[in-house]
C-alpha atoms as a PDB file:
ATOM      1  CA  MET A   1      81.122 100.231 108.741  1.00  0.00           C
ATOM      2  CA  ALA A   2      84.254 100.152 107.759  1.00  0.00           C
ATOM      3  CA  LYS A   3      84.956 104.563 107.328  1.00  0.00           C
ATOM      4  CA  ASN A   4      88.564 104.987 106.367  1.00  0.00           C
ATOM      5  CA  ASN A   5      87.460 104.435 102.202  1.00  0.00           C
ATOM      6  CA  VAL A   6      89.114 107.341 100.339  1.00  0.00           C
ATOM      7  CA  HIS A   7      87.062 106.806  97.238  1.00  0.00           C
ATOM      8  CA  PHE A   8      83.621 104.980  97.317  1.00  0.00           C
ATOM      9  CA  TRP A   9      83.809 102.535  94.628  1.00  0.00           C
ATOM     10  CA  HIS A  10      84.221  98.460  95.445  1.00  0.00           C
ATOM     11  CA  GLU A  11      83.954  95.049  94.142  1.00  0.00           C
ATOM     12  CA  SER A  12      83.244  93.227  97.132  1.00  0.00           C
ATOM     13  CA  LEU A  13      83.842  89.546  98.925  1.00  0.00           C
ATOM     14  CA  ARG A  14      82.754  88.044 102.133  1.00  0.00           C
ATOM     15  CA  VAL A  15      85.170  85.448 102.900  1.00  0.00           C
ATOM     16  CA  THR A  16      86.831  84.353 106.338  1.00  0.00           C
ATOM     17  CA  PRO A  17      90.178  86.180 106.411  1.00  0.00           C
ATOM     18  CA  THR A  18      93.882  84.258 105.963  1.00  0.00           C
ATOM     19  CA  GLU A  19      95.576  87.232 107.888  1.00  0.00           C
ATOM     20  CA  PRO A  20      94.089  88.603 110.551  1.00  0.00           C
ATOM     21  CA  ALA A  21      91.902  85.667 111.863  1.00  0.00           C
ATOM     22  CA  SER A  22      89.819  88.728 113.690  1.00  0.00           C
ATOM     23  CA  PRO A  23      89.752  91.912 111.884  1.00  0.00           C
ATOM     24  CA  SER A  24      87.756  94.413 112.803  1.00  0.00           C
ATOM     25  CA  SER A  25      85.805  97.114 110.361  1.00  0.00           C
ATOM     26  CA  GLY A  26      88.908  99.086 107.940  1.00  0.00           C
ATOM     27  CA  ASP A  27      91.530  96.604 109.041  1.00  0.00           C
ATOM     28  CA  PRO A  28      94.054  95.534 105.642  1.00  0.00           C
ATOM     29  CA  VAL A  29      93.266  91.857 105.347  1.00  0.00           C
ATOM     30  CA  VAL A  30      94.448  88.859 102.533  1.00  0.00           C
ATOM     31  CA  PHE A  31      92.136  85.108 101.712  1.00  0.00           C
ATOM     32  CA  GLY A  32      95.470  83.962 100.300  1.00  0.00           C
ATOM     33  CA  GLN A  33      96.808  86.206  97.690  1.00  0.00           C
ATOM     34  CA  ILE A  34      93.839  88.212  97.267  1.00  0.00           C
ATOM     35  CA  PRO A  35      94.416  91.693  98.686  1.00  0.00           C
ATOM     36  CA  GLY A  36      91.755  93.919 100.520  1.00  0.00           C
ATOM     37  CA  VAL A  37      90.041  95.513 103.469  1.00  0.00           C
ATOM     38  CA  ALA A  38      87.833  94.849 106.223  1.00  0.00           C
ATOM     39  CA  LEU A  39      84.115  96.095 105.796  1.00  0.00           C
ATOM     40  CA  THR A  40      82.554  95.140 108.803  1.00  0.00           C
ATOM     41  CA  ASN A  41      83.811  93.326 111.860  1.00  0.00           C
ATOM     42  CA  PRO A  42      83.210  89.524 112.155  1.00  0.00           C
ATOM     43  CA  ASP A  43      80.159  87.283 112.151  1.00  0.00           C
ATOM     44  CA  ALA A  44      80.185  84.402 114.109  1.00  0.00           C
ATOM     45  CA  ASP A  45      81.485  81.886 111.729  1.00  0.00           C
ATOM     46  CA  GLY A  46      84.248  84.641 110.898  1.00  0.00           C
ATOM     47  CA  ASN A  47      82.813  85.159 108.124  1.00  0.00           C
ATOM     48  CA  VAL A  48      84.020  89.109 107.031  1.00  0.00           C
ATOM     49  CA  THR A  49      82.897  91.896 104.173  1.00  0.00           C
ATOM     50  CA  VAL A  50      86.369  92.147 101.939  1.00  0.00           C
ATOM     51  CA  ALA A  51      86.785  95.671  99.628  1.00  0.00           C
ATOM     52  CA  LEU A  52      88.781  94.057  97.046  1.00  0.00           C
ATOM     53  CA  ASP A  53      89.547  97.636  95.504  1.00  0.00           C
ATOM     54  CA  GLY A  54      89.486 101.412  96.292  1.00  0.00           C
ATOM     55  CA  VAL A  55      91.574 103.467  97.720  1.00  0.00           C
ATOM     56  CA  TRP A  56      91.977 103.706 102.006  1.00  0.00           C
ATOM     57  CA  GLU A  57      93.691 104.847 104.486  1.00  0.00           C
ATOM     58  CA  LEU A  58      95.157 103.025 106.076  1.00  0.00           C
ATOM     59  CA  PRO A  59      98.677 102.246 108.500  1.00  0.00           C
ATOM     60  CA  VAL A  60     102.553 101.777 106.450  1.00  0.00           C
ATOM     61  CA  THR A  61     105.468 100.968 107.996  1.00  0.00           C
ATOM     62  CA  GLY A  62     108.952 101.830 106.120  1.00  0.00           C
ATOM     63  CA  ALA A  63     110.285 103.859 103.536  1.00  0.00           C
ATOM     64  CA  VAL A  64     107.579 104.584 101.248  1.00  0.00           C
ATOM     65  CA  ALA A  65     107.548 106.827  98.264  1.00  0.00           C
ATOM     66  CA  GLY A  66     104.245 107.422  96.630  1.00  0.00           C
ATOM     67  CA  GLY A  67     103.316 105.183  93.060  1.00  0.00           C
ATOM     68  CA  ASP A  68     105.445 102.338  95.679  1.00  0.00           C
ATOM     69  CA  ILE A  69     103.490  98.696  95.175  1.00  0.00           C
ATOM     70  CA  VAL A  70     103.028  97.968  98.969  1.00  0.00           C
ATOM     71  CA  TYR A  71     103.207  94.635 100.624  1.00  0.00           C
ATOM     72  CA  TYR A  72     100.557  92.566 103.916  1.00  0.00           C
ATOM     73  CA  LYS A  73     102.856  90.607 106.253  1.00  0.00           C
ATOM     74  CA  ASN A  74     102.381  89.324 109.714  1.00  0.00           C
ATOM     75  CA  GLY A  75      99.124  92.471 109.005  1.00  0.00           C
ATOM     76  CA  GLN A  76     101.042  94.985 108.474  1.00  0.00           C
ATOM     77  CA  LEU A  77     101.709  96.928 105.930  1.00  0.00           C
ATOM     78  CA  SER A  78     105.043  97.486 103.919  1.00  0.00           C
ATOM     79  CA  ALA A  79     106.724  98.315 100.717  1.00  0.00           C
ATOM     80  CA  ASP A  80     109.898  95.985 102.601  1.00  0.00           C
ATOM     81  CA  ASN A  81     109.128  93.247  98.620  1.00  0.00           C
ATOM     82  CA  THR A  82     108.249  90.267 100.720  1.00  0.00           C
ATOM     83  CA  GLY A  83     104.616  89.209 102.074  1.00  0.00           C
ATOM     84  CA  VAL A  84     101.535  88.996  99.775  1.00  0.00           C
ATOM     85  CA  ARG A  85     101.203  92.648  97.481  1.00  0.00           C
ATOM     86  CA  PHE A  86      98.682  94.338  98.509  1.00  0.00           C
ATOM     87  CA  GLY A  87      98.314  97.774  96.193  1.00  0.00           C
ATOM     88  CA  TYR A  88     100.275 101.387  95.662  1.00  0.00           C
ATOM     89  CA  ALA A  89     100.668 103.167  98.258  1.00  0.00           C
ATOM     90  CA  LEU A  90     100.093 107.021  97.220  1.00  0.00           C
ATOM     91  CA  ALA A  91     101.322 108.656  99.230  1.00  0.00           C
ATOM     92  CA  ALA A  92     105.315 109.150 101.078  1.00  0.00           C
ATOM     93  CA  VAL A  93     106.194 107.816 104.942  1.00  0.00           C
ATOM     94  CA  ALA A  94     109.739 108.250 106.420  1.00  0.00           C
ATOM     95  CA  SER A  95     112.155 105.601 107.426  1.00  0.00           C
ATOM     96  CA  GLU A  96     111.262 103.210 109.842  1.00  0.00           C
ATOM     97  CA  ALA A  97     108.048 105.609 110.510  1.00  0.00           C
ATOM     98  CA  THR A  98     104.670 103.942 110.073  1.00  0.00           C
ATOM     99  CA  SER A  99     101.842 106.519 109.148  1.00  0.00           C
ATOM    100  CA  THR A 100      98.949 106.438 107.719  1.00  0.00           C
ATOM    101  CA  ILE A 101      98.228 107.462 104.447  1.00  0.00           C
ATOM    102  CA  PRO A 102      96.374 106.576 101.065  1.00  0.00           C
ATOM    103  CA  VAL A 103      96.605 103.061  99.483  1.00  0.00           C
ATOM    104  CA  ARG A 104      95.340 101.791  96.593  1.00  0.00           C
ATOM    105  CA  VAL A 105      93.874  98.442  97.232  1.00  0.00           C
ATOM    106  CA  GLY A 106      95.266  95.988  93.755  1.00  0.00           C
ATOM    107  CA  TYR A 107      96.726  96.404  90.902  1.00  0.00           C
END
């Protein structure tokens, strides 16, 4: 079970994520345009239980200010305004760095 949840409240969904194809518990995922965090590893059918909201400690790349919208693209979260809208950064990340910060999933 994912252990990087900061505030525990969430709605979950059991799906086969669009990206990444085989996430680990705690990874950011998307199902079409729906963002979430994997709560479980994939089962034999590739299904994962995904939290659709909450605040999670996640790696974010590039210059991000607290309150910026974060996007998911190619397995990474950033504020570059491309990819699937994922949620909101709740802390800053220095330019070109990757840092694990609290991210509010959803919007």
